[in-house]
PDB file of N, CA and C in Angstrom:
ATOM      1  N   MET A   1       0.815  -1.181   0.000  1.00  0.00           N
ATOM      2  CA  MET A   1       0.000   0.000   0.000  1.00  0.00           C
ATOM      3  C   MET A   1       0.863   1.249   0.000  1.00  0.00           C
ATOM      4  N   LEU A   2       1.979   1.225   0.664  1.00  0.00           N
ATOM      5  CA  LEU A   2       2.877   2.360   0.714  1.00  0.00           C
ATOM      6  C   LEU A   2       3.427   2.684  -0.668  1.00  0.00           C
ATOM      7  N   VAL A   3       3.684   1.671  -1.476  1.00  0.00           N
ATOM      8  CA  VAL A   3       4.202   1.880  -2.822  1.00  0.00           C
ATOM      9  C   VAL A   3       3.178   2.618  -3.674  1.00  0.00           C
ATOM     10  N   LEU A   4       1.904   2.249  -3.589  1.00  0.00           N
ATOM     11  CA  LEU A   4       0.866   2.906  -4.372  1.00  0.00           C
ATOM     12  C   LEU A   4       0.719   4.369  -3.998  1.00  0.00           C
ATOM     13  N   SER A   5       0.805   4.691  -2.734  1.00  0.00           N
ATOM     14  CA  SER A   5       0.653   6.078  -2.321  1.00  0.00           C
ATOM     15  C   SER A   5       1.856   6.923  -2.712  1.00  0.00           C
ATOM     16  N   ALA A   6       2.962   6.283  -3.071  1.00  0.00           N
ATOM     17  CA  ALA A   6       4.156   7.021  -3.459  1.00  0.00           C
ATOM     18  C   ALA A   6       4.116   7.430  -4.931  1.00  0.00           C
ATOM     19  N   LEU A   7       3.147   6.929  -5.699  1.00  0.00           N
ATOM     20  CA  LEU A   7       3.044   7.302  -7.104  1.00  0.00           C
ATOM     21  C   LEU A   7       2.607   8.747  -7.246  1.00  0.00           C
ATOM     22  N   PRO A   8       3.128   9.461  -8.239  1.00  0.00           N
ATOM     23  CA  PRO A   8       2.667  10.827  -8.466  1.00  0.00           C
ATOM     24  C   PRO A   8       1.219  10.830  -8.935  1.00  0.00           C
ATOM     25  N   VAL A   9       0.522  11.917  -8.681  1.00  0.00           N
ATOM     26  CA  VAL A   9      -0.885  12.029  -9.069  1.00  0.00           C
ATOM     27  C   VAL A   9      -1.046  11.844 -10.559  1.00  0.00           C
ATOM     28  N   SER A  10      -0.122  12.343 -11.361  1.00  0.00           N
ATOM     29  CA  SER A  10      -0.221  12.228 -12.814  1.00  0.00           C
ATOM     30  C   SER A  10      -0.204  10.777 -13.280  1.00  0.00           C
ATOM     31  N   ALA A  11       0.427   9.893 -12.558  1.00  0.00           N
ATOM     32  CA  ALA A  11       0.483   8.487 -12.949  1.00  0.00           C
ATOM     33  C   ALA A  11      -0.888   7.844 -12.868  1.00  0.00           C
ATOM     34  N   ALA A  12      -1.691   8.270 -11.946  1.00  0.00           N
ATOM     35  CA  ALA A  12      -3.024   7.697 -11.808  1.00  0.00           C
ATOM     36  C   ALA A  12      -3.944   8.126 -12.942  1.00  0.00           C
ATOM     37  N   THR A  13      -3.691   9.274 -13.553  1.00  0.00           N
ATOM     38  CA  THR A  13      -4.556   9.763 -14.619  1.00  0.00           C
ATOM     39  C   THR A  13      -4.040   9.439 -16.011  1.00  0.00           C
ATOM     40  N   MET A  14      -2.872   8.840 -16.121  1.00  0.00           N
ATOM     41  CA  MET A  14      -2.293   8.549 -17.425  1.00  0.00           C
ATOM     42  C   MET A  14      -3.007   7.428 -18.156  1.00  0.00           C
ATOM     43  N   SER A  15      -3.614   6.520 -17.467  1.00  0.00           N
ATOM     44  CA  SER A  15      -4.244   5.374 -18.090  1.00  0.00           C
ATOM     45  C   SER A  15      -5.748   5.432 -17.897  1.00  0.00           C
ATOM     46  N   SER A  16      -6.452   5.135 -18.957  1.00  0.00           N
ATOM     47  CA  SER A  16      -7.904   5.122 -18.892  1.00  0.00           C
ATOM     48  C   SER A  16      -8.399   4.020 -19.810  1.00  0.00           C
ATOM     49  N   SER A  17      -9.537   3.462 -19.491  1.00  0.00           N
ATOM     50  CA  SER A  17     -10.059   2.380 -20.311  1.00  0.00           C
ATOM     51  C   SER A  17     -10.835   2.931 -21.497  1.00  0.00           C
ATOM     52  N   THR A  18     -10.883   2.155 -22.549  1.00  0.00           N
ATOM     53  CA  THR A  18     -11.619   2.525 -23.750  1.00  0.00           C
ATOM     54  C   THR A  18     -13.106   2.283 -23.529  1.00  0.00           C
ATOM     55  N   GLN A  19     -13.897   3.288 -23.875  1.00  0.00           N
ATOM     56  CA  GLN A  19     -15.353   3.226 -23.730  1.00  0.00           C
ATOM     57  C   GLN A  19     -15.990   3.220 -25.110  1.00  0.00           C
ATOM     58  N   LYS A  20     -17.058   2.444 -25.286  1.00  0.00           N
ATOM     59  CA  LYS A  20     -17.785   2.425 -26.552  1.00  0.00           C
ATOM     60  C   LYS A  20     -18.695   3.642 -26.636  1.00  0.00           C
ATOM     61  N   ILE A  21     -18.892   4.125 -27.851  1.00  0.00           N
ATOM     62  CA  ILE A  21     -19.816   5.228 -28.095  1.00  0.00           C
ATOM     63  C   ILE A  21     -21.071   4.656 -28.736  1.00  0.00           C
ATOM     64  N   SER A  22     -22.207   4.995 -28.176  1.00  0.00           N
ATOM     65  CA  SER A  22     -23.496   4.620 -28.731  1.00  0.00           C
ATOM     66  C   SER A  22     -24.079   5.840 -29.442  1.00  0.00           C
ATOM     67  N   PHE A  23     -24.158   5.781 -30.754  1.00  0.00           N
ATOM     68  CA  PHE A  23     -24.675   6.897 -31.540  1.00  0.00           C
ATOM     69  C   PHE A  23     -26.194   6.851 -31.613  1.00  0.00           C
ATOM     70  N   PRO A  24     -26.839   8.012 -31.729  1.00  0.00           N
ATOM     71  CA  PRO A  24     -28.290   8.024 -31.878  1.00  0.00           C
ATOM     72  C   PRO A  24     -28.683   7.389 -33.211  1.00  0.00           C
ATOM     73  N   GLY A  25     -29.780   6.663 -33.211  1.00  0.00           N
ATOM     74  CA  GLY A  25     -30.216   5.955 -34.404  1.00  0.00           C
ATOM     75  C   GLY A  25     -30.776   6.880 -35.466  1.00  0.00           C
ATOM     76  N   LEU A  26     -30.523   6.522 -36.721  1.00  0.00           N
ATOM     77  CA  LEU A  26     -31.077   7.206 -37.874  1.00  0.00           C
ATOM     78  C   LEU A  26     -31.221   6.147 -38.956  1.00  0.00           C
ATOM     79  N   HIS A  27     -32.430   5.981 -39.478  1.00  0.00           N
ATOM     80  CA  HIS A  27     -32.712   4.928 -40.452  1.00  0.00           C
ATOM     81  C   HIS A  27     -31.789   5.046 -41.663  1.00  0.00           C
ATOM     82  N   GLY A  28     -31.034   3.996 -41.919  1.00  0.00           N
ATOM     83  CA  GLY A  28     -30.110   3.957 -43.040  1.00  0.00           C
ATOM     84  C   GLY A  28     -28.660   4.194 -42.659  1.00  0.00           C
ATOM     85  N   VAL A  29     -28.413   4.522 -41.389  1.00  0.00           N
ATOM     86  CA  VAL A  29     -27.046   4.815 -40.936  1.00  0.00           C
ATOM     87  C   VAL A  29     -26.619   3.803 -39.881  1.00  0.00           C
ATOM     88  N   ASP A  30     -25.463   3.212 -40.082  1.00  0.00           N
ATOM     89  CA  ASP A  30     -24.797   2.426 -39.046  1.00  0.00           C
ATOM     90  C   ASP A  30     -23.644   3.278 -38.532  1.00  0.00           C
ATOM     91  N   ALA A  31     -23.565   3.454 -37.224  1.00  0.00           N
ATOM     92  CA  ALA A  31     -22.480   4.248 -36.654  1.00  0.00           C
ATOM     93  C   ALA A  31     -21.997   3.592 -35.375  1.00  0.00           C
ATOM     94  N   TRP A  32     -20.685   3.605 -35.168  1.00  0.00           N
ATOM     95  CA  TRP A  32     -20.102   3.030 -33.972  1.00  0.00           C
ATOM     96  C   TRP A  32     -18.771   3.731 -33.700  1.00  0.00           C
ATOM     97  N   GLY A  33     -18.287   3.563 -32.507  1.00  0.00           N
ATOM     98  CA  GLY A  33     -17.017   4.180 -32.166  1.00  0.00           C
ATOM     99  C   GLY A  33     -16.621   3.928 -30.733  1.00  0.00           C
ATOM    100  N   SER A  34     -15.522   4.562 -30.336  1.00  0.00           N
ATOM    101  CA  SER A  34     -15.015   4.418 -28.978  1.00  0.00           C
ATOM    102  C   SER A  34     -14.174   5.642 -28.637  1.00  0.00           C
ATOM    103  N   TYR A  35     -13.914   5.800 -27.338  1.00  0.00           N
ATOM    104  CA  TYR A  35     -13.048   6.880 -26.896  1.00  0.00           C
ATOM    105  C   TYR A  35     -12.254   6.441 -25.686  1.00  0.00           C
ATOM    106  N   THR A  36     -11.089   7.058 -25.533  1.00  0.00           N
ATOM    107  CA  THR A  36     -10.238   6.862 -24.369  1.00  0.00           C
ATOM    108  C   THR A  36      -9.840   8.241 -23.870  1.00  0.00           C
ATOM    109  N   LYS A  37     -10.184   8.542 -22.661  1.00  0.00           N
ATOM    110  CA  LYS A  37      -9.880   9.837 -22.065  1.00  0.00           C
ATOM    111  C   LYS A  37      -8.637   9.689 -21.191  1.00  0.00           C
ATOM    112  N   THR A  38      -7.605  10.470 -21.484  1.00  0.00           N
ATOM    113  CA  THR A  38      -6.367  10.417 -20.709  1.00  0.00           C
ATOM    114  C   THR A  38      -5.912  11.821 -20.371  1.00  0.00           C
ATOM    115  N   GLY A  39      -6.246  12.287 -19.214  1.00  0.00           N
ATOM    116  CA  GLY A  39      -5.782  13.587 -18.734  1.00  0.00           C
ATOM    117  C   GLY A  39      -6.167  14.757 -19.609  1.00  0.00           C
ATOM    118  N   THR A  40      -5.233  15.221 -20.446  1.00  0.00           N
ATOM    119  CA  THR A  40      -5.458  16.418 -21.249  1.00  0.00           C
ATOM    120  C   THR A  40      -5.969  16.144 -22.655  1.00  0.00           C
ATOM    121  N   LYS A  41      -6.161  14.896 -23.021  1.00  0.00           N
ATOM    122  CA  LYS A  41      -6.625  14.549 -24.367  1.00  0.00           C
ATOM    123  C   LYS A  41      -7.688  13.460 -24.316  1.00  0.00           C
ATOM    124  N   ILE A  42      -8.424  13.381 -25.414  1.00  0.00           N
ATOM    125  CA  ILE A  42      -9.349  12.272 -25.612  1.00  0.00           C
ATOM    126  C   ILE A  42      -9.102  11.728 -27.015  1.00  0.00           C
ATOM    127  N   ARG A  43      -8.875  10.440 -27.108  1.00  0.00           N
ATOM    128  CA  ARG A  43      -8.666   9.792 -28.409  1.00  0.00           C
ATOM    129  C   ARG A  43      -9.994   9.153 -28.812  1.00  0.00           C
ATOM    130  N   VAL A  44     -10.534   9.613 -29.934  1.00  0.00           N
ATOM    131  CA  VAL A  44     -11.843   9.166 -30.384  1.00  0.00           C
ATOM    132  C   VAL A  44     -11.720   8.479 -31.731  1.00  0.00           C
ATOM    133  N   SER A  45     -12.383   7.334 -31.861  1.00  0.00           N
ATOM    134  CA  SER A  45     -12.498   6.619 -33.135  1.00  0.00           C
ATOM    135  C   SER A  45     -13.970   6.578 -33.504  1.00  0.00           C
ATOM    136  N   VAL A  46     -14.276   6.930 -34.752  1.00  0.00           N
ATOM    137  CA  VAL A  46     -15.654   6.999 -35.222  1.00  0.00           C
ATOM    138  C   VAL A  46     -15.765   6.283 -36.558  1.00  0.00           C
ATOM    139  N   CYS A  47     -16.831   5.498 -36.724  1.00  0.00           N
ATOM    140  CA  CYS A  47     -17.101   4.819 -37.989  1.00  0.00           C
ATOM    141  C   CYS A  47     -18.546   5.063 -38.398  1.00  0.00           C
ATOM    142  N   ALA A  48     -18.758   5.173 -39.709  1.00  0.00           N
ATOM    143  CA  ALA A  48     -20.104   5.335 -40.253  1.00  0.00           C
ATOM    144  C   ALA A  48     -20.252   4.422 -41.452  1.00  0.00           C
ATOM    145  N   GLY A  49     -21.474   3.906 -41.651  1.00  0.00           N
ATOM    146  CA  GLY A  49     -21.744   3.042 -42.782  1.00  0.00           C
ATOM    147  C   GLY A  49     -23.140   3.266 -43.325  1.00  0.00           C
ATOM    148  N   VAL A  50     -23.289   3.042 -44.636  1.00  0.00           N
ATOM    149  CA  VAL A  50     -24.589   3.141 -45.285  1.00  0.00           C
ATOM    150  C   VAL A  50     -25.253   1.775 -45.185  1.00  0.00           C
ATOM    151  N   ALA A  51     -26.426   1.734 -44.549  1.00  0.00           N
ATOM    152  CA  ALA A  51     -27.068   0.460 -44.221  1.00  0.00           C
ATOM    153  C   ALA A  51     -28.178   0.044 -45.183  1.00  0.00           C
ATOM    154  N   ILE A  52     -28.723   0.969 -45.960  1.00  0.00           N
ATOM    155  CA  ILE A  52     -29.845   0.619 -46.848  1.00  0.00           C
ATOM    156  C   ILE A  52     -29.663   1.241 -48.231  1.00  0.00           C
ATOM    157  N   HIS A  53     -30.330   0.628 -49.221  1.00  0.00           N
ATOM    158  CA  HIS A  53     -30.360   1.205 -50.566  1.00  0.00           C
ATOM    159  C   HIS A  53     -31.098   2.535 -50.514  1.00  0.00           C
ATOM    160  N   GLY A  54     -30.744   3.439 -51.365  1.00  0.00           N
ATOM    161  CA  GLY A  54     -31.420   4.723 -51.426  1.00  0.00           C
ATOM    162  C   GLY A  54     -30.774   5.805 -50.588  1.00  0.00           C
ATOM    163  N   VAL A  55     -29.830   5.436 -49.738  1.00  0.00           N
ATOM    164  CA  VAL A  55     -29.090   6.432 -48.962  1.00  0.00           C
ATOM    165  C   VAL A  55     -27.770   6.659 -49.686  1.00  0.00           C
ATOM    166  N   PHE A  56     -27.516   7.900 -50.069  1.00  0.00           N
ATOM    167  CA  PHE A  56     -26.294   8.225 -50.807  1.00  0.00           C
ATOM    168  C   PHE A  56     -25.076   8.199 -49.891  1.00  0.00           C
ATOM    169  N   ALA A  57     -25.166   8.880 -48.735  1.00  0.00           N
ATOM    170  CA  ALA A  57     -24.033   8.959 -47.813  1.00  0.00           C
ATOM    171  C   ALA A  57     -24.537   8.959 -46.378  1.00  0.00           C
ATOM    172  N   ALA A  58     -23.736   8.388 -45.484  1.00  0.00           N
ATOM    173  CA  ALA A  58     -24.064   8.349 -44.052  1.00  0.00           C
ATOM    174  C   ALA A  58     -22.864   8.860 -43.279  1.00  0.00           C
ATOM    175  N   GLY A  59     -23.150   9.598 -42.208  1.00  0.00           N
ATOM    176  CA  GLY A  59     -22.066  10.153 -41.424  1.00  0.00           C
ATOM    177  C   GLY A  59     -22.311  10.051 -39.931  1.00  0.00           C
ATOM    178  N   ALA A  60     -21.216  10.048 -39.173  1.00  0.00           N
ATOM    179  CA  ALA A  60     -21.256  10.053 -37.710  1.00  0.00           C
ATOM    180  C   ALA A  60     -20.268  11.121 -37.255  1.00  0.00           C
ATOM    181  N   VAL A  61     -20.715  11.998 -36.348  1.00  0.00           N
ATOM    182  CA  VAL A  61     -19.923  13.156 -35.939  1.00  0.00           C
ATOM    183  C   VAL A  61     -19.762  13.166 -34.429  1.00  0.00           C
ATOM    184  N   THR A  62     -18.578  13.570 -33.959  1.00  0.00           N
ATOM    185  CA  THR A  62     -18.334  13.793 -32.539  1.00  0.00           C
ATOM    186  C   THR A  62     -18.006  15.263 -32.333  1.00  0.00           C
ATOM    187  N   LEU A  63     -18.462  15.793 -31.220  1.00  0.00           N
ATOM    188  CA  LEU A  63     -18.214  17.185 -30.855  1.00  0.00           C
ATOM    189  C   LEU A  63     -17.676  17.193 -29.429  1.00  0.00           C
ATOM    190  N   ALA A  64     -16.423  17.585 -29.271  1.00  0.00           N
ATOM    191  CA  ALA A  64     -15.793  17.676 -27.946  1.00  0.00           C
ATOM    192  C   ALA A  64     -15.657  19.151 -27.593  1.00  0.00           C
ATOM    193  N   SER A  65     -15.935  19.489 -26.332  1.00  0.00           N
ATOM    194  CA  SER A  65     -15.851  20.899 -25.940  1.00  0.00           C
ATOM    195  C   SER A  65     -15.275  21.058 -24.541  1.00  0.00           C
ATOM    196  N   ASN A  66     -14.908  22.304 -24.220  1.00  0.00           N
ATOM    197  CA  ASN A  66     -14.377  22.612 -22.900  1.00  0.00           C
ATOM    198  C   ASN A  66     -15.533  22.755 -21.903  1.00  0.00           C
ATOM    199  N   ALA A  67     -15.215  23.049 -20.665  1.00  0.00           N
ATOM    200  CA  ALA A  67     -16.227  23.075 -19.593  1.00  0.00           C
ATOM    201  C   ALA A  67     -17.333  24.089 -19.853  1.00  0.00           C
ATOM    202  N   SER A  68     -16.998  25.242 -20.411  1.00  0.00           N
ATOM    203  CA  SER A  68     -18.003  26.286 -20.641  1.00  0.00           C
ATOM    204  C   SER A  68     -18.621  26.205 -22.034  1.00  0.00           C
ATOM    205  N   ASN A  69     -18.241  25.225 -22.834  1.00  0.00           N
ATOM    206  CA  ASN A  69     -18.697  25.048 -24.219  1.00  0.00           C
ATOM    207  C   ASN A  69     -18.325  26.233 -25.113  1.00  0.00           C
ATOM    208  N   SER A  70     -17.338  27.024 -24.704  1.00  0.00           N
ATOM    209  CA  SER A  70     -16.917  28.167 -25.516  1.00  0.00           C
ATOM    210  C   SER A  70     -15.918  27.771 -26.595  1.00  0.00           C
ATOM    211  N   LYS A  71     -15.248  26.634 -26.418  1.00  0.00           N
ATOM    212  CA  LYS A  71     -14.305  26.117 -27.406  1.00  0.00           C
ATOM    213  C   LYS A  71     -14.663  24.669 -27.688  1.00  0.00           C
ATOM    214  N   SER A  72     -14.573  24.290 -28.953  1.00  0.00           N
ATOM    215  CA  SER A  72     -14.925  22.915 -29.303  1.00  0.00           C
ATOM    216  C   SER A  72     -14.171  22.477 -30.548  1.00  0.00           C
ATOM    217  N   SER A  73     -14.171  21.182 -30.762  1.00  0.00           N
ATOM    218  CA  SER A  73     -13.636  20.604 -31.986  1.00  0.00           C
ATOM    219  C   SER A  73     -14.599  19.514 -32.433  1.00  0.00           C
ATOM    220  N   LYS A  74     -14.783  19.447 -33.736  1.00  0.00           N
ATOM    221  CA  LYS A  74     -15.750  18.515 -34.319  1.00  0.00           C
ATOM    222  C   LYS A  74     -15.058  17.732 -35.423  1.00  0.00           C
ATOM    223  N   PHE A  75     -15.340  16.449 -35.490  1.00  0.00           N
ATOM    224  CA  PHE A  75     -14.860  15.644 -36.612  1.00  0.00           C
ATOM    225  C   PHE A  75     -15.761  14.428 -36.757  1.00  0.00           C
ATOM    226  N   GLY A  76     -15.660  13.770 -37.894  1.00  0.00           N
ATOM    227  CA  GLY A  76     -16.519  12.616 -38.109  1.00  0.00           C
ATOM    228  C   GLY A  76     -16.085  11.803 -39.307  1.00  0.00           C
ATOM    229  N   ALA A  77     -16.858  10.741 -39.530  1.00  0.00           N
ATOM    230  CA  ALA A  77     -16.612   9.836 -40.639  1.00  0.00           C
ATOM    231  C   ALA A  77     -17.817   9.868 -41.573  1.00  0.00           C
ATOM    232  N   VAL A  78     -17.553   9.772 -42.874  1.00  0.00           N
ATOM    233  CA  VAL A  78     -18.624   9.755 -43.873  1.00  0.00           C
ATOM    234  C   VAL A  78     -18.372   8.595 -44.816  1.00  0.00           C
ATOM    235  N   ALA A  79     -19.414   7.810 -45.057  1.00  0.00           N
ATOM    236  CA  ALA A  79     -19.345   6.702 -46.014  1.00  0.00           C
ATOM    237  C   ALA A  79     -20.292   7.003 -47.162  1.00  0.00           C
ATOM    238  N   ILE A  80     -19.854   6.713 -48.375  1.00  0.00           N
ATOM    239  CA  ILE A  80     -20.672   6.965 -49.559  1.00  0.00           C
ATOM    240  C   ILE A  80     -20.937   5.641 -50.261  1.00  0.00           C
ATOM    241  N   GLY A  81     -22.225   5.311 -50.443  1.00  0.00           N
ATOM    242  CA  GLY A  81     -22.617   4.111 -51.167  1.00  0.00           C
ATOM    243  C   GLY A  81     -23.064   2.979 -50.261  1.00  0.00           C
ATOM    244  N   TYR A  82     -24.000   2.209 -50.768  1.00  0.00           N
ATOM    245  CA  TYR A  82     -24.584   1.085 -50.033  1.00  0.00           C
ATOM    246  C   TYR A  82     -23.514   0.077 -49.628  1.00  0.00           C
ATOM    247  N   HIS A  83     -23.571  -0.328 -48.386  1.00  0.00           N
ATOM    248  CA  HIS A  83     -22.639  -1.299 -47.780  1.00  0.00           C
ATOM    249  C   HIS A  83     -21.202  -0.787 -47.712  1.00  0.00           C
ATOM    250  N   GLN A  84     -21.023   0.524 -47.753  1.00  0.00           N
ATOM    251  CA  GLN A  84     -19.696   1.103 -47.598  1.00  0.00           C
ATOM    252  C   GLN A  84     -19.569   1.644 -46.174  1.00  0.00           C
ATOM    253  N   ALA A  85     -18.340   1.658 -45.666  1.00  0.00           N
ATOM    254  CA  ALA A  85     -18.082   2.179 -44.321  1.00  0.00           C
ATOM    255  C   ALA A  85     -16.773   2.960 -44.332  1.00  0.00           C
ATOM    256  N   SER A  86     -16.672   3.879 -43.392  1.00  0.00           N
ATOM    257  CA  SER A  86     -15.475   4.695 -43.255  1.00  0.00           C
ATOM    258  C   SER A  86     -15.189   4.900 -41.770  1.00  0.00           C
ATOM    259  N   CYS A  87     -13.928   4.879 -41.390  1.00  0.00           N
ATOM    260  CA  CYS A  87     -13.541   5.073 -39.989  1.00  0.00           C
ATOM    261  C   CYS A  87     -12.416   6.101 -39.899  1.00  0.00           C
ATOM    262  N   VAL A  88     -12.436   6.896 -38.839  1.00  0.00           N
ATOM    263  CA  VAL A  88     -11.379   7.869 -38.567  1.00  0.00           C
ATOM    264  C   VAL A  88     -11.067   7.872 -37.082  1.00  0.00           C
ATOM    265  N   THR A  89      -9.853   8.260 -36.748  1.00  0.00           N
ATOM    266  CA  THR A  89      -9.426   8.381 -35.354  1.00  0.00           C
ATOM    267  C   THR A  89      -8.729   9.723 -35.192  1.00  0.00           C
ATOM    268  N   GLU A  90      -9.011  10.379 -34.090  1.00  0.00           N
ATOM    269  CA  GLU A  90      -8.457  11.711 -33.854  1.00  0.00           C
ATOM    270  C   GLU A  90      -8.195  11.915 -32.367  1.00  0.00           C
ATOM    271  N   ASN A  91      -7.149  12.668 -32.054  1.00  0.00           N
ATOM    272  CA  ASN A  91      -6.886  13.099 -30.677  1.00  0.00           C
ATOM    273  C   ASN A  91      -7.473  14.491 -30.505  1.00  0.00           C
ATOM    274  N   LEU A  92      -8.327  14.663 -29.514  1.00  0.00           N
ATOM    275  CA  LEU A  92      -8.983  15.940 -29.265  1.00  0.00           C
ATOM    276  C   LEU A  92      -8.493  16.523 -27.961  1.00  0.00           C
ATOM    277  N   ARG A  93      -8.364  17.849 -27.910  1.00  0.00           N
ATOM    278  CA  ARG A  93      -7.827  18.458 -26.706  1.00  0.00           C
ATOM    279  C   ARG A  93      -8.892  18.948 -25.746  1.00  0.00           C
ATOM    280  N   TYR A  94     -10.132  19.095 -26.180  1.00  0.00           N
ATOM    281  CA  TYR A  94     -11.202  19.496 -25.269  1.00  0.00           C
ATOM    282  C   TYR A  94     -11.850  18.232 -24.706  1.00  0.00           C
ATOM    283  N   THR A  95     -11.837  18.100 -23.387  1.00  0.00           N
ATOM    284  CA  THR A  95     -12.227  16.824 -22.782  1.00  0.00           C
ATOM    285  C   THR A  95     -13.382  16.910 -21.800  1.00  0.00           C
ATOM    286  N   ASN A  96     -13.995  18.079 -21.631  1.00  0.00           N
ATOM    287  CA  ASN A  96     -15.046  18.216 -20.619  1.00  0.00           C
ATOM    288  C   ASN A  96     -16.393  17.663 -21.062  1.00  0.00           C
ATOM    289  N   HIS A  97     -16.716  17.789 -22.344  1.00  0.00           N
ATOM    290  CA  HIS A  97     -18.002  17.308 -22.848  1.00  0.00           C
ATOM    291  C   HIS A  97     -17.779  16.581 -24.165  1.00  0.00           C
ATOM    292  N   LEU A  98     -18.543  15.517 -24.377  1.00  0.00           N
ATOM    293  CA  LEU A  98     -18.493  14.789 -25.641  1.00  0.00           C
ATOM    294  C   LEU A  98     -19.923  14.516 -26.086  1.00  0.00           C
ATOM    295  N   ARG A  99     -20.253  14.981 -27.299  1.00  0.00           N
ATOM    296  CA  ARG A  99     -21.584  14.764 -27.864  1.00  0.00           C
ATOM    297  C   ARG A  99     -21.435  14.158 -29.252  1.00  0.00           C
ATOM    298  N   VAL A 100     -22.462  13.434 -29.692  1.00  0.00           N
ATOM    299  CA  VAL A 100     -22.411  12.770 -30.994  1.00  0.00           C
ATOM    300  C   VAL A 100     -23.759  12.894 -31.708  1.00  0.00           C
ATOM    301  N   TYR A 101     -23.716  12.788 -33.041  1.00  0.00           N
ATOM    302  CA  TYR A 101     -24.937  12.703 -33.836  1.00  0.00           C
ATOM    303  C   TYR A 101     -24.625  12.009 -35.154  1.00  0.00           C
ATOM    304  N   THR A 102     -25.660  11.609 -35.870  1.00  0.00           N
ATOM    305  CA  THR A 102     -25.528  10.968 -37.170  1.00  0.00           C
ATOM    306  C   THR A 102     -26.314  11.773 -38.202  1.00  0.00           C
ATOM    307  N   PHE A 103     -25.981  11.567 -39.469  1.00  0.00           N
ATOM    308  CA  PHE A 103     -26.711  12.271 -40.525  1.00  0.00           C
ATOM    309  C   PHE A 103     -26.699  11.474 -41.822  1.00  0.00           C
ATOM    310  N   ILE A 104     -27.604  11.855 -42.721  1.00  0.00           N
ATOM    311  CA  ILE A 104     -27.666  11.306 -44.075  1.00  0.00           C
ATOM    312  C   ILE A 104     -27.385  12.452 -45.032  1.00  0.00           C
ATOM    313  N   GLY A 105     -26.497  12.206 -45.977  1.00  0.00           N
ATOM    314  CA  GLY A 105     -26.153  13.207 -46.976  1.00  0.00           C
ATOM    315  C   GLY A 105     -26.719  12.839 -48.331  1.00  0.00           C
ATOM    316  N   SER A 106     -27.159  13.847 -49.065  1.00  0.00           N
ATOM    317  CA  SER A 106     -27.706  13.617 -50.408  1.00  0.00           C
ATOM    318  C   SER A 106     -26.601  13.715 -51.451  1.00  0.00           C
ATOM    319  N   SER A 107     -26.916  13.345 -52.674  1.00  0.00           N
ATOM    320  CA  SER A 107     -25.938  13.394 -53.766  1.00  0.00           C
ATOM    321  C   SER A 107     -25.612  14.833 -54.167  1.00  0.00           C
ATOM    322  N   THR A 108     -26.391  15.803 -53.683  1.00  0.00           N
ATOM    323  CA  THR A 108     -26.118  17.208 -53.979  1.00  0.00           C
ATOM    324  C   THR A 108     -25.233  17.851 -52.911  1.00  0.00           C
ATOM    325  N   GLY A 109     -24.808  17.090 -51.914  1.00  0.00           N
ATOM    326  CA  GLY A 109     -23.916  17.599 -50.887  1.00  0.00           C
ATOM    327  C   GLY A 109     -24.614  18.227 -49.699  1.00  0.00           C
ATOM    328  N   LYS A 110     -25.919  18.063 -49.605  1.00  0.00           N
ATOM    329  CA  LYS A 110     -26.674  18.624 -48.481  1.00  0.00           C
ATOM    330  C   LYS A 110     -27.056  17.531 -47.494  1.00  0.00           C
ATOM    331  N   ILE A 111     -27.231  17.924 -46.235  1.00  0.00           N
ATOM    332  CA  ILE A 111     -27.694  16.978 -45.222  1.00  0.00           C
ATOM    333  C   ILE A 111     -29.208  16.879 -45.332  1.00  0.00           C
ATOM    334  N   SER A 112     -29.684  15.670 -45.642  1.00  0.00           N
ATOM    335  CA  SER A 112     -31.124  15.481 -45.832  1.00  0.00           C
ATOM    336  C   SER A 112     -31.824  15.036 -44.551  1.00  0.00           C
ATOM    337  N   ALA A 113     -31.092  14.482 -43.606  1.00  0.00           N
ATOM    338  CA  ALA A 113     -31.664  14.084 -42.312  1.00  0.00           C
ATOM    339  C   ALA A 113     -30.551  14.074 -41.281  1.00  0.00           C
ATOM    340  N   GLN A 114     -30.908  14.439 -40.058  1.00  0.00           N
ATOM    341  CA  GLN A 114     -29.935  14.439 -38.965  1.00  0.00           C
ATOM    342  C   GLN A 114     -30.622  13.970 -37.693  1.00  0.00           C
ATOM    343  N   SER A 115     -29.919  13.158 -36.911  1.00  0.00           N
ATOM    344  CA  SER A 115     -30.456  12.687 -35.639  1.00  0.00           C
ATOM    345  C   SER A 115     -30.358  13.796 -34.595  1.00  0.00           C
ATOM    346  N   LYS A 116     -30.961  13.555 -33.469  1.00  0.00           N
ATOM    347  CA  LYS A 116     -30.767  14.455 -32.337  1.00  0.00           C
ATOM    348  C   LYS A 116     -29.349  14.269 -31.824  1.00  0.00           C
ATOM    349  N   THR A 117     -28.816  15.280 -31.182  1.00  0.00           N
ATOM    350  CA  THR A 117     -27.490  15.181 -30.586  1.00  0.00           C
ATOM    351  C   THR A 117     -27.598  14.456 -29.256  1.00  0.00           C
ATOM    352  N   LYS A 118     -26.702  13.506 -29.062  1.00  0.00           N
ATOM    353  CA  LYS A 118     -26.688  12.705 -27.832  1.00  0.00           C
ATOM    354  C   LYS A 118     -25.451  13.077 -27.012  1.00  0.00           C
ATOM    355  N   THR A 119     -25.645  13.306 -25.726  1.00  0.00           N
ATOM    356  CA  THR A 119     -24.536  13.596 -24.835  1.00  0.00           C
ATOM    357  C   THR A 119     -23.950  12.298 -24.298  1.00  0.00           C
ATOM    358  N   ILE A 120     -22.658  12.112 -24.504  1.00  0.00           N
ATOM    359  CA  ILE A 120     -21.957  10.931 -23.992  1.00  0.00           C
ATOM    360  C   ILE A 120     -21.516  11.198 -22.551  1.00  0.00           C
ATOM    361  N   TYR A 121     -20.955  12.363 -22.306  1.00  0.00           N
ATOM    362  CA  TYR A 121     -20.621  12.808 -20.950  1.00  0.00           C
ATOM    363  C   TYR A 121     -20.520  14.310 -20.931  1.00  0.00           C
TER     364      TYR A 121
END
């Protein structure tokens, strides 16, 4: 027990377990991902896939922000075409809040449908 208490505080926050992200449902979109929060950064992986015929593109987006929501960073994955999927991974520096949503994109480059935004933490 004495050895554990001798560790610096930063050592306890250096390691964190990977958590799955549950994206809000949107008909025609498959979305999945995970995140690992480690002190000053969050590593997020996001995947999106087109699940049905008639959907041109499907996307999954993450939005990370600071405590006051005055600063944020957004990124996501977009898949084009039936049974196609795309995945991306990014290190984000804002770690206080994490929100996600999904969308469907049309062939004209516009978002034709978007899910509600879901708060992860």
